[in-house]
């Protein structure tokens, strides 16, 4: 499969081979990235992009999320799967920065998704009203 045709979730390894599955590997990546963000948020803002976002405050972080969300929407209108995955990665990264800013991490989002699992989207949305 050509690189541009590879699905973003393809992690290699055969099912039942004893290798960790793609979803477990993805969770590991998110946790490692969150840990890296934690170690860099108090670093020198001149040396660390994460620290520079923290130093600028919530508005800068939220602005970056808005920019990345817009870029994700634009990429989603196209058919370049690599670009879509890259833009979603940028969006997720900045969302991880926001989570860290508020003392949260990937586990908090995964717990919320697990809570919603099996619940109709319409019913879940209605429960928040």
N, C-alpha and C. Protein backbone atom coordinates (compact mmCIF):
# COMPACT_ATOMS: atom_id res chain seq x y z
N UNK A 1 0.86 -1.17 0.00
CA UNK A 1 0.00 0.00 0.00
C UNK A 1 0.90 1.22 0.00
N UNK A 2 0.65 2.17 -0.89
CA UNK A 2 1.45 3.39 -0.96
C UNK A 2 1.25 4.22 0.29
N UNK A 3 2.25 5.00 0.64
CA UNK A 3 2.18 5.82 1.85
C UNK A 3 0.94 6.69 1.85
N UNK A 4 0.62 7.30 0.71
CA UNK A 4 -0.53 8.20 0.67
C UNK A 4 -1.85 7.46 0.79
N UNK A 5 -1.82 6.13 0.64
CA UNK A 5 -3.04 5.34 0.75
C UNK A 5 -3.16 4.65 2.10
N UNK A 6 -2.08 4.66 2.89
CA UNK A 6 -2.08 3.98 4.17
C UNK A 6 -3.05 4.66 5.11
N UNK A 7 -3.85 3.87 5.81
CA UNK A 7 -4.77 4.44 6.79
C UNK A 7 -3.98 4.92 7.99
N UNK A 8 -4.44 5.99 8.57
CA UNK A 8 -3.75 6.57 9.73
C UNK A 8 -3.66 5.59 10.88
N UNK A 9 -4.64 4.69 11.02
CA UNK A 9 -4.67 3.75 12.12
C UNK A 9 -3.83 2.51 11.91
N UNK A 10 -3.25 2.32 10.72
CA UNK A 10 -2.44 1.14 10.47
C UNK A 10 -1.20 1.17 11.34
N UNK A 11 -1.09 0.21 12.22
CA UNK A 11 0.08 0.18 13.11
C UNK A 11 0.94 -1.05 12.88
N UNK A 12 0.56 -1.85 11.92
CA UNK A 12 1.33 -3.05 11.65
C UNK A 12 1.05 -4.12 12.68
N UNK A 13 1.66 -5.29 12.52
CA UNK A 13 1.46 -6.39 13.46
C UNK A 13 0.17 -7.13 13.16
N UNK A 14 0.23 -8.43 13.27
CA UNK A 14 -0.93 -9.26 12.98
C UNK A 14 -1.74 -9.48 14.24
N UNK A 15 -3.04 -9.58 14.06
CA UNK A 15 -3.92 -9.86 15.19
C UNK A 15 -3.57 -11.23 15.74
N UNK A 16 -3.55 -11.34 17.04
CA UNK A 16 -3.25 -12.62 17.66
C UNK A 16 -1.76 -12.94 17.71
N UNK A 17 -0.93 -12.01 17.27
CA UNK A 17 0.51 -12.28 17.25
C UNK A 17 1.17 -11.95 18.57
N UNK A 18 0.39 -11.47 19.54
CA UNK A 18 0.97 -11.08 20.81
C UNK A 18 1.37 -9.62 20.82
N UNK A 19 1.35 -9.00 19.65
CA UNK A 19 1.68 -7.57 19.58
C UNK A 19 0.52 -6.76 20.12
N UNK A 20 0.85 -5.60 20.66
CA UNK A 20 -0.19 -4.71 21.16
C UNK A 20 -1.01 -4.22 19.97
N UNK A 21 -2.30 -4.03 20.20
CA UNK A 21 -3.18 -3.57 19.14
C UNK A 21 -3.00 -2.08 18.88
N UNK A 22 -3.49 -1.63 17.73
CA UNK A 22 -3.36 -0.22 17.37
C UNK A 22 -3.97 0.73 18.40
N UNK A 23 -5.10 0.36 19.01
CA UNK A 23 -5.72 1.28 19.96
C UNK A 23 -4.88 1.39 21.24
N UNK A 24 -4.27 0.30 21.67
CA UNK A 24 -3.39 0.37 22.85
C UNK A 24 -2.15 1.19 22.54
N UNK A 25 -1.59 1.00 21.36
CA UNK A 25 -0.41 1.77 20.97
C UNK A 25 -0.76 3.25 20.86
N UNK A 26 -1.95 3.57 20.34
CA UNK A 26 -2.37 4.96 20.23
C UNK A 26 -2.51 5.59 21.61
N UNK A 27 -3.08 4.86 22.55
CA UNK A 27 -3.20 5.37 23.92
C UNK A 27 -1.83 5.62 24.52
N UNK A 28 -0.89 4.73 24.25
CA UNK A 28 0.48 4.91 24.75
C UNK A 28 1.10 6.18 24.18
N UNK A 29 0.90 6.42 22.89
CA UNK A 29 1.45 7.62 22.25
C UNK A 29 0.85 8.87 22.89
N UNK A 30 -0.45 8.87 23.09
CA UNK A 30 -1.11 10.03 23.71
C UNK A 30 -0.58 10.26 25.13
N UNK A 31 -0.42 9.19 25.90
CA UNK A 31 0.09 9.33 27.27
C UNK A 31 1.53 9.84 27.28
N UNK A 32 2.37 9.33 26.35
CA UNK A 32 3.76 9.81 26.29
C UNK A 32 3.81 11.27 25.88
N UNK A 33 2.97 11.65 24.93
CA UNK A 33 2.93 13.04 24.49
C UNK A 33 2.44 13.94 25.63
N UNK A 34 1.43 13.49 26.35
CA UNK A 34 0.94 14.27 27.50
C UNK A 34 2.03 14.42 28.56
N UNK A 35 2.80 13.37 28.78
CA UNK A 35 3.90 13.44 29.75
C UNK A 35 4.97 14.42 29.29
N UNK A 36 5.25 14.43 28.00
CA UNK A 36 6.22 15.38 27.45
C UNK A 36 5.73 16.81 27.63
N UNK A 37 4.45 17.03 27.36
CA UNK A 37 3.86 18.36 27.55
C UNK A 37 4.01 18.79 29.01
N UNK A 38 3.74 17.87 29.93
CA UNK A 38 3.88 18.18 31.37
C UNK A 38 5.30 18.61 31.71
N UNK A 39 6.29 17.92 31.14
CA UNK A 39 7.68 18.25 31.47
C UNK A 39 8.12 19.57 30.84
N UNK A 40 7.45 19.98 29.79
CA UNK A 40 7.89 21.19 29.09
C UNK A 40 7.08 22.44 29.43
N UNK A 41 5.97 22.30 30.12
CA UNK A 41 5.12 23.47 30.32
C UNK A 41 5.77 24.55 31.19
N UNK A 42 6.74 24.19 32.00
CA UNK A 42 7.42 25.18 32.83
C UNK A 42 8.85 25.45 32.34
N UNK A 43 9.16 24.99 31.15
CA UNK A 43 10.49 25.20 30.58
C UNK A 43 10.63 26.66 30.11
N UNK A 44 11.78 26.97 29.61
CA UNK A 44 12.05 28.29 29.07
C UNK A 44 11.22 28.48 27.79
N UNK A 45 10.33 29.47 27.75
CA UNK A 45 9.50 29.69 26.56
C UNK A 45 10.31 29.96 25.29
N UNK A 46 11.55 30.39 25.44
CA UNK A 46 12.40 30.61 24.26
C UNK A 46 12.91 29.29 23.70
N UNK A 47 12.87 28.25 24.52
CA UNK A 47 13.40 26.94 24.12
C UNK A 47 12.32 25.91 23.81
N UNK A 48 11.10 26.15 24.29
CA UNK A 48 10.04 25.15 24.19
C UNK A 48 8.76 25.78 23.65
N UNK A 49 8.24 25.20 22.58
CA UNK A 49 6.97 25.67 22.01
C UNK A 49 5.85 25.52 23.03
N UNK A 50 5.81 24.39 23.73
CA UNK A 50 4.78 24.16 24.75
C UNK A 50 4.88 25.23 25.83
N UNK A 51 6.07 25.49 26.32
CA UNK A 51 6.25 26.51 27.36
C UNK A 51 5.82 27.88 26.85
N UNK A 52 6.07 28.16 25.58
CA UNK A 52 5.67 29.46 25.03
C UNK A 52 4.15 29.59 25.00
N UNK A 53 3.45 28.51 24.71
CA UNK A 53 1.98 28.55 24.75
C UNK A 53 1.49 28.78 26.18
N UNK A 54 2.07 28.06 27.13
CA UNK A 54 1.68 28.24 28.53
C UNK A 54 1.97 29.66 29.00
N UNK A 55 3.10 30.21 28.60
CA UNK A 55 3.47 31.57 29.01
C UNK A 55 2.50 32.60 28.44
N UNK A 56 1.99 32.35 27.25
CA UNK A 56 1.04 33.29 26.62
C UNK A 56 -0.36 33.17 27.20
N UNK A 57 -0.66 32.03 27.81
CA UNK A 57 -1.94 31.87 28.49
C UNK A 57 -3.03 31.20 27.67
N UNK A 58 -4.20 31.14 28.30
CA UNK A 58 -5.35 30.43 27.72
C UNK A 58 -5.72 30.93 26.33
N UNK A 59 -5.73 32.24 26.16
CA UNK A 59 -6.16 32.78 24.86
C UNK A 59 -5.29 32.27 23.71
N UNK A 60 -3.98 32.18 23.94
CA UNK A 60 -3.08 31.69 22.90
C UNK A 60 -3.34 30.22 22.60
N UNK A 61 -3.57 29.44 23.65
CA UNK A 61 -3.85 28.01 23.47
C UNK A 61 -5.17 27.83 22.72
N UNK A 62 -6.18 28.57 23.14
CA UNK A 62 -7.49 28.46 22.49
C UNK A 62 -7.44 28.93 21.04
N UNK A 63 -6.68 29.98 20.79
CA UNK A 63 -6.53 30.47 19.41
C UNK A 63 -5.89 29.40 18.53
N UNK A 64 -4.86 28.73 19.06
CA UNK A 64 -4.20 27.67 18.28
C UNK A 64 -5.17 26.52 18.01
N UNK A 65 -6.00 26.17 18.99
CA UNK A 65 -6.98 25.11 18.77
C UNK A 65 -7.95 25.52 17.68
N UNK A 66 -8.40 26.77 17.71
CA UNK A 66 -9.30 27.26 16.66
C UNK A 66 -8.65 27.21 15.29
N UNK A 67 -7.39 27.62 15.20
CA UNK A 67 -6.67 27.58 13.93
C UNK A 67 -6.54 26.15 13.42
N UNK A 68 -6.15 25.25 14.33
CA UNK A 68 -5.96 23.86 13.93
C UNK A 68 -7.28 23.19 13.56
N UNK A 69 -8.35 23.56 14.27
CA UNK A 69 -9.67 23.00 13.93
C UNK A 69 -10.09 23.46 12.53
N UNK A 70 -9.84 24.72 12.22
CA UNK A 70 -10.17 25.24 10.88
C UNK A 70 -9.35 24.53 9.82
N UNK A 71 -8.06 24.33 10.08
CA UNK A 71 -7.21 23.62 9.12
C UNK A 71 -7.67 22.17 8.94
N UNK A 72 -8.17 21.57 10.02
CA UNK A 72 -8.69 20.21 9.94
C UNK A 72 -9.94 20.16 9.07
N UNK A 73 -10.81 21.12 9.24
CA UNK A 73 -12.03 21.19 8.42
C UNK A 73 -11.67 21.35 6.94
N UNK A 74 -10.74 22.24 6.66
CA UNK A 74 -10.32 22.47 5.27
C UNK A 74 -9.71 21.19 4.70
N UNK A 75 -8.86 20.53 5.47
CA UNK A 75 -8.26 19.27 5.00
C UNK A 75 -9.34 18.21 4.77
N UNK A 76 -10.34 18.19 5.65
CA UNK A 76 -11.41 17.21 5.53
C UNK A 76 -12.26 17.38 4.29
N UNK A 77 -12.26 18.56 3.72
CA UNK A 77 -13.00 18.79 2.48
C UNK A 77 -12.28 18.20 1.28
N UNK A 78 -11.00 17.88 1.46
CA UNK A 78 -10.21 17.30 0.39
C UNK A 78 -10.14 15.79 0.55
N UNK A 79 -9.32 15.18 -0.24
CA UNK A 79 -9.22 13.72 -0.20
C UNK A 79 -7.81 13.24 0.17
N UNK A 80 -6.95 14.15 0.59
CA UNK A 80 -5.58 13.79 0.96
C UNK A 80 -5.57 13.25 2.39
N UNK A 81 -5.55 11.94 2.51
CA UNK A 81 -5.63 11.30 3.82
C UNK A 81 -4.45 11.65 4.72
N UNK A 82 -3.29 11.80 4.14
CA UNK A 82 -2.10 12.15 4.91
C UNK A 82 -2.27 13.55 5.50
N UNK A 83 -2.78 14.48 4.71
CA UNK A 83 -2.99 15.84 5.21
C UNK A 83 -4.06 15.86 6.30
N UNK A 84 -5.13 15.11 6.10
CA UNK A 84 -6.18 15.05 7.12
C UNK A 84 -5.58 14.55 8.44
N UNK A 85 -4.84 13.44 8.37
CA UNK A 85 -4.23 12.88 9.59
C UNK A 85 -3.27 13.88 10.22
N UNK A 86 -2.50 14.59 9.41
CA UNK A 86 -1.54 15.57 9.93
C UNK A 86 -2.25 16.72 10.63
N UNK A 87 -3.33 17.19 10.04
CA UNK A 87 -4.07 18.31 10.65
C UNK A 87 -4.77 17.86 11.93
N UNK A 88 -5.32 16.65 11.94
CA UNK A 88 -5.94 16.15 13.18
C UNK A 88 -4.86 15.97 14.25
N UNK A 89 -3.67 15.52 13.86
CA UNK A 89 -2.57 15.40 14.83
C UNK A 89 -2.24 16.76 15.45
N UNK A 90 -2.19 17.81 14.61
CA UNK A 90 -1.95 19.15 15.14
C UNK A 90 -3.05 19.57 16.10
N UNK A 91 -4.29 19.29 15.75
CA UNK A 91 -5.43 19.63 16.60
C UNK A 91 -5.36 18.87 17.92
N UNK A 92 -5.13 17.57 17.85
CA UNK A 92 -5.03 16.76 19.07
C UNK A 92 -3.91 17.27 19.96
N UNK A 93 -2.75 17.60 19.37
CA UNK A 93 -1.63 18.09 20.16
C UNK A 93 -2.05 19.32 20.96
N UNK A 94 -2.65 20.27 20.28
CA UNK A 94 -3.04 21.50 20.97
C UNK A 94 -4.16 21.26 21.98
N UNK A 95 -5.01 20.28 21.72
CA UNK A 95 -6.02 19.90 22.72
C UNK A 95 -5.34 19.28 23.94
N UNK A 96 -4.28 18.51 23.74
CA UNK A 96 -3.52 17.96 24.86
C UNK A 96 -2.89 19.08 25.69
N UNK A 97 -2.43 20.13 25.01
CA UNK A 97 -1.88 21.29 25.73
C UNK A 97 -2.98 21.91 26.59
N UNK A 98 -4.18 22.08 26.03
CA UNK A 98 -5.30 22.63 26.79
C UNK A 98 -5.65 21.75 27.99
N UNK A 99 -5.69 20.44 27.76
CA UNK A 99 -5.98 19.52 28.86
C UNK A 99 -4.95 19.70 29.97
N UNK A 100 -3.67 19.75 29.60
CA UNK A 100 -2.60 19.91 30.60
C UNK A 100 -2.75 21.23 31.34
N UNK A 101 -3.16 22.25 30.64
CA UNK A 101 -3.36 23.57 31.27
C UNK A 101 -4.38 23.49 32.41
N UNK A 102 -5.33 22.57 32.26
CA UNK A 102 -6.40 22.42 33.24
C UNK A 102 -6.23 21.19 34.14
N UNK A 103 -5.03 20.62 34.14
CA UNK A 103 -4.75 19.48 35.01
C UNK A 103 -5.41 18.19 34.56
N UNK A 104 -5.70 18.10 33.28
CA UNK A 104 -6.34 16.90 32.71
C UNK A 104 -5.38 16.24 31.74
N UNK A 105 -5.76 15.04 31.29
CA UNK A 105 -4.94 14.32 30.32
C UNK A 105 -5.79 13.40 29.47
N UNK A 106 -5.14 12.63 28.62
CA UNK A 106 -5.87 11.72 27.73
C UNK A 106 -6.79 10.76 28.48
N UNK A 107 -6.39 10.31 29.65
CA UNK A 107 -7.22 9.37 30.41
C UNK A 107 -8.57 9.98 30.76
N UNK A 108 -8.60 11.28 31.00
CA UNK A 108 -9.87 11.95 31.33
C UNK A 108 -10.81 11.94 30.12
N UNK A 109 -10.26 12.19 28.95
CA UNK A 109 -11.07 12.18 27.73
C UNK A 109 -11.52 10.75 27.42
N UNK A 110 -10.62 9.80 27.56
CA UNK A 110 -10.99 8.40 27.31
C UNK A 110 -12.06 7.92 28.28
N UNK A 111 -11.99 8.36 29.53
CA UNK A 111 -13.02 7.99 30.50
C UNK A 111 -14.38 8.56 30.10
N UNK A 112 -14.37 9.79 29.61
CA UNK A 112 -15.63 10.39 29.16
C UNK A 112 -16.18 9.66 27.94
N UNK A 113 -15.30 9.30 27.01
CA UNK A 113 -15.75 8.54 25.83
C UNK A 113 -16.29 7.18 26.25
N UNK A 114 -15.63 6.54 27.20
CA UNK A 114 -16.10 5.24 27.69
C UNK A 114 -17.47 5.38 28.35
N UNK A 115 -17.67 6.48 29.09
CA UNK A 115 -18.96 6.72 29.73
C UNK A 115 -20.07 6.84 28.68
N UNK A 116 -19.74 7.44 27.55
CA UNK A 116 -20.72 7.66 26.49
C UNK A 116 -20.92 6.44 25.59
N UNK A 117 -19.98 5.52 25.64
CA UNK A 117 -20.02 4.35 24.75
C UNK A 117 -21.33 3.59 24.91
N UNK A 118 -21.94 3.28 23.79
CA UNK A 118 -23.18 2.51 23.80
C UNK A 118 -24.42 3.37 24.03
N UNK A 119 -24.22 4.67 24.23
CA UNK A 119 -25.34 5.59 24.41
C UNK A 119 -25.58 6.29 23.08
N UNK A 120 -26.83 6.35 22.67
CA UNK A 120 -27.18 7.06 21.44
C UNK A 120 -26.65 8.48 21.50
N UNK A 121 -26.10 8.94 20.40
CA UNK A 121 -25.60 10.30 20.34
C UNK A 121 -26.69 11.32 20.65
N UNK A 122 -27.90 11.06 20.17
CA UNK A 122 -29.01 11.97 20.46
C UNK A 122 -29.34 11.96 21.95
N UNK A 123 -29.35 10.78 22.55
CA UNK A 123 -29.67 10.68 23.98
C UNK A 123 -28.58 11.34 24.82
N UNK A 124 -27.32 11.13 24.45
CA UNK A 124 -26.22 11.71 25.21
C UNK A 124 -26.27 13.23 25.14
N UNK A 125 -26.53 13.77 23.95
CA UNK A 125 -26.60 15.22 23.79
C UNK A 125 -27.76 15.78 24.61
N UNK A 126 -28.91 15.10 24.59
CA UNK A 126 -30.08 15.55 25.35
C UNK A 126 -29.79 15.55 26.85
N UNK A 127 -28.96 14.63 27.32
CA UNK A 127 -28.65 14.55 28.75
C UNK A 127 -27.82 15.73 29.23
N UNK A 128 -27.18 16.45 28.31
CA UNK A 128 -26.35 17.60 28.67
C UNK A 128 -27.16 18.89 28.69
N UNK A 129 -28.39 18.87 28.31
CA UNK A 129 -29.21 20.09 28.27
C UNK A 129 -29.73 20.44 29.61
